Amino acid sequence: MSSDRFAIGIDYGTESGRVVVARVRDGALVGQAIVSYPDGVIDEGLPGGGPKLDHDWALQNPRDYLLVVEKGVPRALKEAGVRGDQVIGLGTDFTASTPMPTLRDGTPLSFLPKYRKQPHAWTKLWKHHAAQAEANRINEVGRERDEEFIRIYGGRYSSEWFFSKLLQVLNEAPAIYEASERFIEAADWIVWQLTGEEKRNTCTAGYKAMWVKGRGFPSPDFFRAVRPGFETAFGKLSEDYYPLGARAGGLTPEWARNTGLRAETPVSIGNVDAHVAVPACTVVRPGSLVMIMGTSICHLVLGAERQMVEGMCGTVDGGVVPGLWGFEAGQSAVGDIFAWFFEHGVPDYIRTEARKLKLPATEILEKRAAALKPGQSGLLALDWWNGNRSILVDVDLTGVLLGMNLATRAEEIYRALIEATAFGTRQIVEAFNSKGVAVRELVACGGLPERNPLLMQIYADVTGLEIKLADPLMTCPALGSAMHGAVAAGPETGGYAAIYDAAKRMAHVQRKSYRPNAVRHEVYNTLFKEYQMLHDYFGRGANDVMKRLKELKAQLSARQ
């Protein structure tokens, strides 16, 4: 152990941050720590008081991000039995788009007493969906002007992304907009704090902020056309963007003291949690689609050529690994849908059986659902409980459950919800294949593959594709960050020259995989056609009832 070299990866999730210590020669995780965010997801009211937040808001406290480093790194090192001088590099990844307004020196506005009770001064988490009107305006002007970003994002820019959120600040809190000397992704902000250098990454810029390699952002004229005064956004950005795996700088003396690491330990350029997981799943070539499966799903696939695929979250040169185009898609809710049903839909007969058998009610529900055959329940659902990210890119779409009767049981509904999310993934796979971005197999990581074998088998049966499993499953993003930390350190200190080299040694998949059942796949082919009909009917404007109901709800809520 004393002669080994290690890299640290810090994965910032929705509710907590995970720190891992990875052995550089083989990727073995020898220590880790999870630090929950004290303020979690701020979606009702600000810590310490302030106005009530609307239902589509989701904020975070940047202090929680610093706590992950301060508490998590020493804990992970202690568990690993590793000294700070054995760590050659550190990498981070973050949810995205999760931007915040700061002063020129990086101080978040939410840290200042003057702005603490102003919601727009806080970090907007990726699932902050209150900027749909702003996204609509950006898309309207983008289509009128035939802006390139419209094609790069498969036809629509999302309310979840960087400029939609910044435009919302300008529209609703112009004083906060003016006070914001920087508007920056949390992925770049945490690297700024660790190194003292503001260096932004090409990944979040390309996938979330309309940035194109070699061309930069759309012109000031575009931003002015969206809203007069919006062109001043350029003064809140950076002119330079850096590739993944590059060295952002060295760890500051202050953070070295706080963590037990060496000062000037190389820190890699920031990354996105989903994208950094791809090489950690062994995927560095075209043909394999990586699914990062948790509360939502991010889908990432590599291609040798640029293609414009409907509803993608971006098509970026070198956005995942150097030399290849990275294509991103996603589903806004997956695990969140199941969690909703566990909380609100598990009936007494399931709970009674669980108590008798001394098992969790969720386990009983899954066993009952697994005993059903495809199509047996007569149910079909649309997986839009939190809107649609791909391929429709519309957060105002809502869920559908069709085919219920007085004999419908909870396990049938649960299975239909799983199937709906699998159909959503197949819709994305078919969109890729239709444009020549080949998807020949799936590789999964995240919490859902570890906990739900029924779900994984249904995904294989629905898509007709084998699903390989990353090893480890839960810590792929953190491992990917550690791999990039080893690349930032370079071979001269025991690291790697490129992420391809790190993937060969540090990334692994399990022997176990899920293979599709031909009989079940044929049944799902029939059900998928019905899913597609519902998808297009409710999602492409034939019937906007979901949006009308959502608007009525908002109007009635405003009157209360």
Protein backbone atom coordinates (compact mmCIF):
# COMPACT_ATOMS: atom_id res chain seq x y z
CA MET A 1 0.00 0.00 0.00
CA SER A 2 2.79 2.45 0.84
CA SER A 3 4.22 2.32 -2.71
CA ASP A 4 0.83 2.71 -4.39
CA ARG A 5 -0.50 5.98 -5.70
CA PHE A 6 -4.09 7.13 -5.34
CA ALA A 7 -6.54 9.62 -6.80
CA ILE A 8 -9.56 11.19 -5.15
CA GLY A 9 -12.91 11.59 -6.87
CA ILE A 10 -15.71 13.79 -5.52
CA ASP A 11 -19.18 13.22 -6.95
CA TYR A 12 -21.75 15.92 -6.15
CA GLY A 13 -25.26 14.48 -6.35
CA THR A 14 -28.72 15.85 -5.68
CA GLU A 15 -28.88 15.13 -1.94
CA SER A 16 -25.27 14.41 -0.97
CA GLY A 17 -21.66 14.29 -2.07
CA ARG A 18 -19.57 11.13 -2.31
CA VAL A 19 -15.78 11.06 -1.92
CA VAL A 20 -13.75 8.03 -3.02
CA VAL A 21 -10.07 7.13 -2.84
CA ALA A 22 -9.12 5.04 -5.90
CA ARG A 23 -5.90 3.12 -6.40
CA VAL A 24 -4.41 4.39 -9.63
CA ARG A 25 -2.96 1.12 -10.90
CA ASP A 26 -6.28 -0.77 -10.96
CA GLY A 27 -9.14 1.53 -9.91
CA ALA A 28 -9.83 -0.31 -6.65
CA LEU A 29 -11.83 1.87 -4.27
CA VAL A 30 -10.02 1.64 -0.96
CA GLY A 31 -11.97 4.29 0.94
CA GLN A 32 -15.06 6.41 0.60
CA ALA A 33 -17.34 8.77 2.50
CA ILE A 34 -20.81 10.18 1.89
CA VAL A 35 -21.68 13.62 3.23
CA SER A 36 -25.34 14.65 3.16
CA TYR A 37 -26.13 18.26 2.34
CA PRO A 38 -27.49 19.86 5.53
CA ASP A 39 -29.93 21.98 3.50
CA GLY A 40 -30.62 19.27 0.91
CA VAL A 41 -32.88 20.31 -1.94
CA ILE A 42 -34.44 23.68 -1.11
CA ASP A 43 -37.88 23.55 -2.72
CA GLU A 44 -40.27 25.09 -0.18
CA GLY A 45 -38.53 27.96 1.59
CA LEU A 46 -35.02 29.34 2.06
CA PRO A 47 -32.95 28.41 5.12
CA GLY A 48 -33.36 31.17 7.66
CA GLY A 49 -36.52 32.55 6.13
CA GLY A 50 -37.67 34.25 2.97
CA PRO A 51 -40.54 33.95 0.53
CA LYS A 52 -42.31 30.65 -0.13
CA LEU A 53 -40.97 28.95 -3.25
CA ASP A 54 -43.21 27.94 -6.14
CA HIS A 55 -43.65 24.23 -6.87
CA ASP A 56 -41.20 24.14 -9.81
CA TRP A 57 -38.30 25.59 -7.81
CA ALA A 58 -35.27 23.62 -6.63
CA LEU A 59 -32.32 25.42 -5.01
CA GLN A 60 -29.20 24.47 -3.07
CA ASN A 61 -26.76 26.03 -0.62
CA PRO A 62 -23.15 26.23 -1.90
CA ARG A 63 -21.90 25.89 1.69
CA ASP A 64 -23.02 22.27 1.50
CA TYR A 65 -20.61 21.67 -1.39
CA LEU A 66 -17.67 22.94 0.65
CA LEU A 67 -18.68 20.73 3.56
CA VAL A 68 -18.37 17.65 1.32
CA VAL A 69 -14.69 18.43 0.75
CA GLU A 70 -13.98 19.46 4.33
CA LYS A 71 -15.62 16.41 5.93
CA GLY A 72 -15.56 13.82 3.18
CA VAL A 73 -11.92 13.84 2.08
CA PRO A 74 -10.44 13.26 5.57
CA ARG A 75 -12.99 10.53 6.28
CA ALA A 76 -12.28 8.72 3.00
CA LEU A 77 -8.52 8.95 3.53
CA LYS A 78 -8.88 7.58 7.05
CA GLU A 79 -10.99 4.65 5.91
CA ALA A 80 -8.48 3.91 3.15
CA GLY A 81 -5.47 4.17 5.42
CA VAL A 82 -3.89 6.45 2.83
CA ARG A 83 -1.66 9.43 3.55
CA GLY A 84 -2.23 12.73 1.81
CA ASP A 85 1.18 12.58 0.13
CA GLN A 86 0.16 9.33 -1.61
CA VAL A 87 -2.65 11.15 -3.50
CA ILE A 88 -1.45 12.33 -6.90
CA GLY A 89 -4.62 14.00 -8.17
CA LEU A 90 -8.19 15.01 -7.46
CA GLY A 91 -11.24 15.26 -9.73
CA THR A 92 -14.80 16.43 -9.24
CA ASP A 93 -18.14 16.07 -10.99
CA PHE A 94 -21.49 17.77 -10.50
CA THR A 95 -25.13 17.69 -11.44
CA ALA A 96 -25.87 20.05 -14.34
CA SER A 97 -27.05 22.54 -15.14
CA THR A 98 -26.64 23.77 -11.55
CA PRO A 99 -25.53 27.42 -11.85
CA MET A 100 -25.14 30.15 -9.24
CA PRO A 101 -24.63 33.93 -9.20
CA THR A 102 -21.42 35.13 -7.55
CA LEU A 103 -19.21 38.16 -7.12
CA ARG A 104 -16.07 38.52 -9.24
CA ASP A 105 -14.03 36.70 -6.59
CA GLY A 106 -16.39 33.71 -6.56
CA THR A 107 -18.37 34.59 -3.42
CA PRO A 108 -21.94 33.32 -3.93
CA LEU A 109 -24.55 36.04 -3.54
CA SER A 110 -26.43 33.75 -1.16
CA PHE A 111 -23.51 34.10 1.29
CA LEU A 112 -24.10 37.85 1.58
CA PRO A 113 -26.64 39.05 4.21
CA LYS A 114 -27.99 41.57 1.70
CA TYR A 115 -29.19 38.82 -0.65
CA ARG A 116 -29.69 35.83 1.65
CA LYS A 117 -33.50 36.04 1.54
CA GLN A 118 -33.61 36.49 -2.24
CA PRO A 119 -34.31 33.09 -3.92
CA HIS A 120 -32.58 34.06 -7.15
CA ALA A 121 -29.33 34.63 -5.23
CA TRP A 122 -29.10 30.90 -4.50
CA THR A 123 -27.84 28.01 -6.61
CA LYS A 124 -30.45 26.68 -9.02
CA LEU A 125 -30.30 22.88 -8.94
CA TRP A 126 -30.51 20.90 -12.17
CA LYS A 127 -34.16 20.04 -11.52
CA HIS A 128 -35.22 23.66 -11.05
CA HIS A 129 -38.00 23.79 -13.65
CA ALA A 130 -39.37 27.28 -13.08
CA ALA A 131 -37.70 28.73 -16.18
CA GLN A 132 -39.90 27.11 -18.82
CA ALA A 133 -41.21 30.46 -20.09
CA GLU A 134 -37.61 31.59 -20.55
CA ALA A 135 -36.73 28.38 -22.38
CA ASN A 136 -39.73 28.89 -24.65
CA ARG A 137 -38.51 32.39 -25.51
CA ILE A 138 -34.96 31.19 -26.20
CA ASN A 139 -36.33 28.48 -28.50
CA GLU A 140 -38.66 30.88 -30.29
CA VAL A 141 -35.88 33.32 -31.14
CA GLY A 142 -33.42 30.52 -31.85
CA ARG A 143 -35.76 29.00 -34.44
CA GLU A 144 -36.54 32.38 -35.99
CA ARG A 145 -32.83 33.09 -36.43
CA ASP A 146 -31.93 29.48 -37.31
CA GLU A 147 -29.32 29.43 -34.54
CA GLU A 148 -26.96 26.47 -34.54
CA PHE A 149 -27.67 25.57 -30.90
CA ILE A 150 -31.25 24.64 -31.84
CA ARG A 151 -29.91 21.84 -34.04
CA ILE A 152 -27.23 20.83 -31.53
CA TYR A 153 -29.89 20.33 -28.86
CA GLY A 154 -32.14 18.32 -31.13
CA GLY A 155 -34.67 21.10 -31.65
CA ARG A 156 -35.16 22.57 -28.18
CA TYR A 157 -33.23 24.25 -25.42
CA SER A 158 -34.37 23.11 -21.95
CA SER A 159 -35.64 24.99 -18.92
CA GLU A 160 -33.14 22.95 -16.90
CA TRP A 161 -30.19 24.59 -18.61
CA PHE A 162 -27.86 27.49 -17.99
CA PHE A 163 -29.25 30.41 -19.99
CA SER A 164 -32.89 29.64 -19.21
CA LYS A 165 -32.04 30.01 -15.54
CA LEU A 166 -30.00 33.16 -16.06
CA LEU A 167 -32.81 34.73 -18.10
CA GLN A 168 -35.24 33.93 -15.29
CA VAL A 169 -33.01 35.88 -12.91
CA LEU A 170 -33.03 38.84 -15.30
CA ASN A 171 -36.80 38.69 -15.74
CA GLU A 172 -37.79 38.18 -12.12
CA ALA A 173 -34.95 39.69 -10.08
CA PRO A 174 -33.10 42.32 -12.14
CA ALA A 175 -31.29 43.60 -9.03
CA ILE A 176 -29.81 40.13 -8.44
CA TYR A 177 -28.89 39.93 -12.13
CA GLU A 178 -27.03 43.23 -11.92
CA ALA A 179 -25.28 42.21 -8.69
CA SER A 180 -24.11 38.95 -10.29
CA GLU A 181 -20.59 39.56 -11.54
CA ARG A 182 -20.29 35.89 -12.45
CA PHE A 183 -22.91 33.28 -13.30
CA ILE A 184 -21.17 29.92 -13.07
CA GLU A 185 -21.89 26.21 -13.00
CA ALA A 186 -21.35 24.59 -9.62
CA ALA A 187 -19.05 22.16 -11.46
CA ASP A 188 -16.70 25.05 -12.20
CA TRP A 189 -17.28 26.91 -8.94
CA ILE A 190 -16.05 24.06 -6.73
CA VAL A 191 -12.85 23.78 -8.80
CA TRP A 192 -12.42 27.55 -8.42
CA GLN A 193 -12.68 27.19 -4.65
CA LEU A 194 -10.19 24.32 -4.51
CA THR A 195 -7.56 25.89 -6.77
CA GLY A 196 -8.19 29.63 -6.56
CA GLU A 197 -8.51 29.73 -10.36
CA GLU A 198 -11.68 30.27 -12.37
CA LYS A 199 -11.40 27.73 -15.18
CA ARG A 200 -14.60 26.54 -16.81
CA ASN A 201 -15.10 23.19 -18.51
CA THR A 202 -16.17 22.49 -22.08
CA CYS A 203 -18.61 19.79 -20.99
CA THR A 204 -21.18 21.92 -19.14
CA ALA A 205 -20.63 24.78 -21.57
CA GLY A 206 -21.31 22.55 -24.57
CA TYR A 207 -24.22 20.56 -23.21
CA LYS A 208 -25.98 23.22 -21.16
CA ALA A 209 -24.92 26.67 -22.40
CA MET A 210 -24.97 26.75 -26.22
CA TRP A 211 -21.15 26.87 -26.42
CA VAL A 212 -19.64 25.35 -29.59
CA LYS A 213 -16.00 24.35 -29.82
CA GLY A 214 -14.15 26.77 -32.09
CA ARG A 215 -17.08 29.20 -32.22
CA GLY A 216 -18.09 29.99 -28.66
CA PHE A 217 -21.56 31.24 -27.73
CA PRO A 218 -24.28 32.69 -29.97
CA SER A 219 -23.79 36.35 -30.83
CA PRO A 220 -24.79 39.24 -28.57
CA ASP A 221 -27.46 40.03 -31.16
CA PHE A 222 -29.18 36.76 -30.37
CA PHE A 223 -29.26 37.47 -26.65
CA ARG A 224 -30.48 41.01 -27.29
CA ALA A 225 -33.27 39.62 -29.47
CA VAL A 226 -34.32 37.27 -26.67
CA ARG A 227 -34.59 40.21 -24.28
CA PRO A 228 -33.02 43.67 -24.39
CA GLY A 229 -30.26 43.76 -21.81
CA PHE A 230 -29.65 40.00 -21.91
CA GLU A 231 -26.54 40.56 -24.02
CA THR A 232 -24.83 41.71 -20.80
CA ALA A 233 -24.72 38.02 -19.87
CA PHE A 234 -21.32 37.84 -21.61
CA GLY A 235 -19.82 39.93 -18.82
CA LYS A 236 -20.81 37.24 -16.33
CA LEU A 237 -19.15 34.38 -18.22
CA SER A 238 -15.59 33.41 -19.12
CA GLU A 239 -13.81 33.62 -22.45
CA ASP A 240 -11.78 30.44 -21.99
CA TYR A 241 -13.04 26.86 -21.62
CA TYR A 242 -10.88 23.85 -20.88
CA PRO A 243 -11.09 20.18 -21.97
CA LEU A 244 -11.89 17.30 -19.66
CA GLY A 245 -8.87 15.81 -17.93
CA ALA A 246 -6.88 19.02 -18.11
CA ARG A 247 -5.22 20.34 -14.97
CA ALA A 248 -7.21 23.26 -13.57
CA GLY A 249 -4.58 24.07 -10.97
CA GLY A 250 -3.17 22.91 -7.69
CA LEU A 251 -4.94 22.55 -4.36
CA THR A 252 -4.64 25.75 -2.33
CA PRO A 253 -2.71 25.70 0.97
CA GLU A 254 -5.95 26.37 2.85
CA TRP A 255 -7.70 23.36 1.34
CA ALA A 256 -4.58 21.26 1.82
CA ARG A 257 -4.80 22.01 5.55
CA ASN A 258 -8.54 21.31 5.60
CA THR A 259 -8.24 17.94 3.88
CA GLY A 260 -4.84 16.52 4.79
CA LEU A 261 -3.70 16.53 1.16
CA ARG A 262 -0.55 18.14 -0.21
CA ALA A 263 -0.70 21.74 -1.35
CA GLU A 264 -0.57 21.93 -5.16
CA THR A 265 -2.12 18.46 -5.56
CA PRO A 266 -3.34 18.57 -9.20
CA VAL A 267 -7.08 19.21 -9.56
CA SER A 268 -8.75 18.37 -12.86
CA ILE A 269 -11.16 20.58 -14.79
CA GLY A 270 -14.75 20.10 -13.61
CA ASN A 271 -17.09 17.56 -15.18
CA VAL A 272 -20.75 16.51 -15.24
CA ASP A 273 -21.76 13.54 -13.10
CA ALA A 274 -23.25 11.56 -15.99
CA HIS A 275 -20.50 12.28 -18.49
CA VAL A 276 -17.65 11.45 -16.14
CA ALA A 277 -19.24 8.03 -15.52
CA VAL A 278 -18.89 6.93 -19.16
CA PRO A 279 -15.16 6.04 -19.15
CA ALA A 280 -15.63 4.63 -15.64
CA CYS A 281 -18.06 2.16 -17.29
CA THR A 282 -15.20 1.15 -19.68
CA VAL A 283 -16.92 2.98 -22.59
CA VAL A 284 -14.47 5.00 -24.68
CA ARG A 285 -15.62 3.88 -28.15
CA PRO A 286 -18.88 4.20 -30.18
CA GLY A 287 -21.64 1.59 -29.99
CA SER A 288 -22.35 1.38 -26.26
CA LEU A 289 -24.96 3.60 -24.61
CA VAL A 290 -24.31 4.30 -20.94
CA MET A 291 -27.32 4.70 -18.64
CA ILE A 292 -26.68 6.47 -15.35
CA MET A 293 -29.76 5.26 -13.50
CA GLY A 294 -31.07 6.91 -10.35
CA THR A 295 -33.76 9.47 -9.61
CA SER A 296 -33.52 10.25 -13.33
CA ILE A 297 -31.58 8.65 -16.17
CA CYS A 298 -28.88 10.22 -18.30
CA HIS A 299 -28.10 8.42 -21.55
CA LEU A 300 -24.72 8.96 -23.20
CA VAL A 301 -23.31 7.49 -26.38
CA LEU A 302 -20.19 8.24 -28.44
CA GLY A 303 -19.96 8.77 -32.17
CA ALA A 304 -17.24 9.29 -34.76
CA GLU A 305 -19.27 11.93 -36.63
CA ARG A 306 -21.50 14.82 -35.70
CA GLN A 307 -25.22 14.06 -36.07
CA MET A 308 -28.30 16.10 -35.16
CA VAL A 309 -30.65 13.86 -33.19
CA GLU A 310 -34.09 15.01 -32.07
CA GLY A 311 -34.39 16.04 -28.44
CA MET A 312 -30.79 15.53 -27.44
CA CYS A 313 -29.32 17.41 -24.52
CA GLY A 314 -26.34 18.27 -26.65
CA THR A 315 -23.89 17.04 -29.26
CA VAL A 316 -20.39 18.07 -28.25
CA ASP A 317 -16.99 17.43 -29.80
CA GLY A 318 -14.88 15.90 -27.03
CA GLY A 319 -17.74 16.37 -24.58
CA VAL A 320 -17.16 12.95 -22.98
CA VAL A 321 -13.80 11.69 -24.25
CA PRO A 322 -11.30 13.41 -26.58
CA GLY A 323 -11.63 12.83 -30.31
CA LEU A 324 -15.23 11.62 -30.35
CA TRP A 325 -18.61 13.32 -30.39
CA GLY A 326 -20.56 12.87 -27.18
CA PHE A 327 -24.36 12.62 -27.45
CA GLU A 328 -26.50 13.13 -24.35
CA ALA A 329 -30.17 12.37 -23.75
CA GLY A 330 -32.16 11.70 -20.61
CA GLN A 331 -35.36 11.06 -18.71
CA SER A 332 -36.32 13.61 -16.05
CA ALA A 333 -37.80 11.07 -13.63
CA VAL A 334 -37.29 7.34 -13.18
CA GLY A 335 -36.38 6.40 -9.63
CA ASP A 336 -38.39 9.42 -8.50
CA ILE A 337 -41.51 7.87 -10.07
CA PHE A 338 -41.04 4.64 -8.16
CA ALA A 339 -40.37 6.56 -4.94
CA TRP A 340 -43.60 8.50 -5.49
CA PHE A 341 -45.53 5.26 -5.91
CA PHE A 342 -43.91 3.63 -2.87
CA GLU A 343 -44.99 6.62 -0.79
CA HIS A 344 -48.50 7.11 -2.15
CA GLY A 345 -49.61 3.91 -3.86
CA VAL A 346 -48.72 0.88 -1.71
CA PRO A 347 -52.02 -0.49 -0.31
CA ASP A 348 -52.81 -2.25 2.94
CA TYR A 349 -52.71 -5.80 1.50
CA ILE A 350 -49.08 -5.31 0.48
CA ARG A 351 -48.13 -3.81 3.84
CA THR A 352 -49.93 -6.57 5.74
CA GLU A 353 -48.11 -9.28 3.79
CA ALA A 354 -44.82 -7.47 4.37
CA ARG A 355 -45.38 -7.38 8.13
CA LYS A 356 -46.22 -11.09 8.22
CA LEU A 357 -43.08 -12.00 6.29
CA LYS A 358 -40.97 -9.35 8.04
CA LEU A 359 -39.89 -7.91 4.71
CA PRO A 360 -39.97 -4.38 3.28
CA ALA A 361 -43.24 -3.59 1.51
CA THR A 362 -41.25 -2.60 -1.57
CA GLU A 363 -39.79 -6.11 -1.78
CA ILE A 364 -43.27 -7.66 -1.69
CA LEU A 365 -44.43 -5.24 -4.37
CA GLU A 366 -41.52 -6.13 -6.61
CA LYS A 367 -42.05 -9.90 -6.19
CA ARG A 368 -45.70 -9.56 -7.14
CA ALA A 369 -44.82 -7.37 -10.13
CA ALA A 370 -42.17 -9.86 -11.27
CA ALA A 371 -44.80 -12.63 -11.35
CA LEU A 372 -46.78 -10.74 -14.02
CA LYS A 373 -46.24 -11.22 -17.73
CA PRO A 374 -45.85 -8.34 -20.20
CA GLY A 375 -49.25 -7.03 -21.20
CA GLN A 376 -51.08 -9.12 -18.58
CA SER A 377 -52.40 -6.12 -16.64
CA GLY A 378 -53.77 -4.23 -19.63
CA LEU A 379 -52.02 -1.08 -18.37
CA LEU A 380 -49.85 1.40 -20.22
CA ALA A 381 -48.20 4.54 -18.83
CA LEU A 382 -46.26 7.59 -20.00
CA ASP A 383 -43.21 8.33 -17.85
CA TRP A 384 -43.58 12.12 -17.62
CA TRP A 385 -44.03 12.54 -13.85
CA ASN A 386 -41.36 15.26 -13.96
CA GLY A 387 -41.77 16.35 -17.57
CA ASN A 388 -39.95 14.97 -20.60
CA ARG A 389 -36.25 15.65 -21.10
CA SER A 390 -35.73 13.63 -24.28
CA ILE A 391 -36.88 13.58 -26.90
CA LEU A 392 -39.64 16.16 -26.45
CA VAL A 393 -37.75 18.49 -24.06
CA ASP A 394 -40.87 19.79 -22.32
CA VAL A 395 -41.19 20.05 -18.54
CA ASP A 396 -44.89 20.92 -18.81
CA LEU A 397 -45.78 17.38 -19.85
CA THR A 398 -47.19 15.17 -17.09
CA GLY A 399 -47.77 11.47 -16.41
CA VAL A 400 -50.42 9.19 -17.86
CA LEU A 401 -51.71 5.81 -16.65
CA LEU A 402 -54.14 4.13 -19.04
CA GLY A 403 -56.24 0.96 -18.80
CA MET A 404 -57.20 0.82 -15.14
CA ASN A 405 -60.39 -0.82 -13.91
CA LEU A 406 -61.87 -1.86 -10.56
CA ALA A 407 -59.71 -5.01 -10.51
CA THR A 408 -56.40 -3.18 -11.06
CA ARG A 409 -53.86 -3.93 -8.36
CA ALA A 410 -50.84 -2.06 -7.04
CA GLU A 411 -48.28 -4.48 -8.44
CA GLU A 412 -49.77 -4.03 -11.92
CA ILE A 413 -49.44 -0.27 -11.68
CA TYR A 414 -45.89 -0.56 -10.39
CA ARG A 415 -44.88 -2.81 -13.28
CA ALA A 416 -46.56 -0.46 -15.78
CA LEU A 417 -44.53 2.43 -14.38
CA ILE A 418 -41.29 0.45 -14.78
CA GLU A 419 -42.28 -0.46 -18.32
CA ALA A 420 -43.07 3.18 -19.11
CA THR A 421 -39.57 4.28 -18.14
CA ALA A 422 -38.13 1.44 -20.24
CA PHE A 423 -40.22 2.59 -23.21
CA GLY A 424 -38.85 6.10 -22.67
CA THR A 425 -35.32 4.74 -22.91
CA ARG A 426 -36.20 2.77 -26.06
CA GLN A 427 -37.62 5.95 -27.61
CA ILE A 428 -34.22 7.57 -27.06
CA VAL A 429 -32.32 4.54 -28.42
CA GLU A 430 -34.44 4.55 -31.58
CA ALA A 431 -33.86 8.28 -32.03
CA PHE A 432 -30.10 7.66 -31.97
CA ASN A 433 -30.27 4.69 -34.34
CA SER A 434 -32.47 6.62 -36.78
CA LYS A 435 -29.66 9.16 -37.25
CA GLY A 436 -26.86 6.65 -37.62
CA VAL A 437 -25.58 6.87 -34.04
CA ALA A 438 -25.42 3.13 -33.46
CA VAL A 439 -26.50 1.67 -30.11
CA ARG A 440 -25.56 -2.01 -29.98
CA GLU A 441 -25.53 -2.56 -26.22
CA LEU A 442 -26.37 -0.80 -22.98
CA VAL A 443 -24.08 -0.33 -19.97
CA ALA A 444 -25.71 0.65 -16.69
CA CYS A 445 -24.50 2.22 -13.47
CA GLY A 446 -26.13 3.96 -10.51
CA GLY A 447 -28.42 3.00 -7.67
CA LEU A 448 -31.29 1.43 -9.62
CA PRO A 449 -29.28 -1.41 -11.24
CA GLU A 450 -27.96 -2.37 -7.82
CA ARG A 451 -31.39 -2.52 -6.16
CA ASN A 452 -33.87 -3.56 -8.83
CA PRO A 453 -33.16 -6.64 -10.99
CA LEU A 454 -36.78 -6.67 -12.25
CA LEU A 455 -36.32 -3.20 -13.69
CA MET A 456 -33.09 -4.19 -15.43
CA GLN A 457 -34.62 -7.29 -17.01
CA ILE A 458 -37.61 -5.27 -18.23
CA TYR A 459 -35.23 -2.72 -19.81
CA ALA A 460 -33.41 -5.54 -21.63
CA ASP A 461 -36.69 -7.09 -22.77
CA VAL A 462 -38.14 -3.75 -23.93
CA THR A 463 -35.05 -2.55 -25.83
CA GLY A 464 -33.95 -5.97 -27.09
CA LEU A 465 -30.39 -5.16 -26.03
CA GLU A 466 -27.98 -6.75 -23.60
CA ILE A 467 -27.28 -4.62 -20.53
CA LYS A 468 -23.83 -4.82 -18.96
CA LEU A 469 -23.23 -3.58 -15.42
CA ALA A 470 -20.41 -1.32 -14.32
CA ASP A 471 -18.24 -2.46 -11.43
CA PRO A 472 -18.81 -0.76 -9.08
CA LEU A 473 -22.35 0.42 -9.83
CA MET A 474 -23.01 3.14 -7.26
CA THR A 475 -19.70 4.93 -7.43
CA CYS A 476 -19.11 5.22 -11.18
CA PRO A 477 -19.19 9.04 -11.29
CA ALA A 478 -16.84 9.31 -8.31
CA LEU A 479 -14.50 6.74 -9.86
CA GLY A 480 -14.65 8.65 -13.15
CA SER A 481 -13.67 11.82 -11.34
CA ALA A 482 -10.76 10.04 -9.70
CA MET A 483 -9.69 8.78 -13.14
CA HIS A 484 -9.70 12.35 -14.44
CA GLY A 485 -7.72 13.38 -11.39
CA ALA A 486 -5.13 10.77 -12.33
CA VAL A 487 -5.05 12.18 -15.88
CA ALA A 488 -4.62 15.73 -14.55
CA ALA A 489 -1.65 14.44 -12.52
CA GLY A 490 -0.05 12.91 -15.62
CA PRO A 491 2.22 9.88 -16.09
CA GLU A 492 5.26 11.64 -14.64
CA THR A 493 3.73 11.35 -11.14
CA GLY A 494 2.22 7.89 -11.60
CA GLY A 495 -1.00 8.96 -13.35
CA TYR A 496 -2.08 8.66 -16.97
CA ALA A 497 -1.55 10.65 -20.15
CA ALA A 498 -5.19 10.34 -21.31
CA ILE A 499 -8.56 9.07 -20.12
CA TYR A 500 -8.25 6.16 -22.58
CA ASP A 501 -5.22 4.92 -20.65
CA ALA A 502 -6.96 5.37 -17.29
CA ALA A 503 -10.03 3.45 -18.52
CA LYS A 504 -7.92 0.43 -19.49
CA ARG A 505 -6.58 0.07 -15.97
CA MET A 506 -9.11 1.64 -13.62
CA ALA A 507 -12.55 0.85 -15.18
CA HIS A 508 -14.35 -2.51 -15.04
CA VAL A 509 -17.68 -4.22 -15.77
CA GLN A 510 -19.26 -7.15 -13.96
CA ARG A 511 -19.52 -10.65 -15.37
CA LYS A 512 -23.26 -10.50 -14.79
CA SER A 513 -25.41 -8.95 -17.49
CA TYR A 514 -29.08 -8.85 -18.48
CA ARG A 515 -30.02 -10.41 -21.82
CA PRO A 516 -33.38 -9.85 -23.52
CA ASN A 517 -35.99 -12.62 -23.61
CA ALA A 518 -37.19 -13.02 -27.21
CA VAL A 519 -40.80 -13.89 -26.31
CA ARG A 520 -41.21 -10.98 -23.92
CA HIS A 521 -39.49 -8.64 -26.39
CA GLU A 522 -42.12 -9.43 -29.03
CA VAL A 523 -44.93 -8.53 -26.62
CA TYR A 524 -43.15 -5.32 -25.70
CA ASN A 525 -42.80 -4.46 -29.40
CA THR A 526 -46.60 -4.37 -29.55
CA LEU A 527 -46.91 -2.33 -26.36
CA PHE A 528 -44.21 0.07 -27.50
CA LYS A 529 -46.22 0.97 -30.61
CA GLU A 530 -49.10 1.93 -28.31
CA TYR A 531 -46.68 3.93 -26.14
CA GLN A 532 -45.47 5.80 -29.21
CA MET A 533 -49.02 6.71 -30.19
CA LEU A 534 -49.70 8.16 -26.72
CA HIS A 535 -46.26 9.82 -26.73
CA ASP A 536 -46.97 11.69 -29.95
CA TYR A 537 -50.63 12.45 -29.18
CA PHE A 538 -49.94 14.14 -25.85
CA GLY A 539 -46.39 15.28 -26.54
CA ARG A 540 -46.46 16.79 -30.02
CA GLY A 541 -49.43 19.13 -29.76
CA ALA A 542 -52.39 17.01 -30.85
CA ASN A 543 -53.81 17.39 -27.35
CA ASP A 544 -52.28 19.91 -24.94
CA VAL A 545 -54.58 18.95 -22.08
CA MET A 546 -51.59 18.40 -19.75
CA LYS A 547 -50.47 21.99 -20.20
CA ARG A 548 -53.99 23.36 -19.84
CA LEU A 549 -54.47 21.48 -16.58
CA LYS A 550 -51.10 22.66 -15.29
CA GLU A 551 -51.96 26.25 -16.14
CA LEU A 552 -55.34 25.96 -14.41
CA LYS A 553 -53.61 24.57 -11.33
CA ALA A 554 -51.16 27.48 -11.30
CA GLN A 555 -53.99 30.01 -11.65
CA LEU A 556 -55.98 28.51 -8.79
CA SER A 557 -52.88 28.26 -6.59
CA ALA A 558 -52.13 31.95 -7.22
CA ARG A 559 -55.58 32.93 -5.94
CA GLN A 560 -55.15 31.14 -2.62
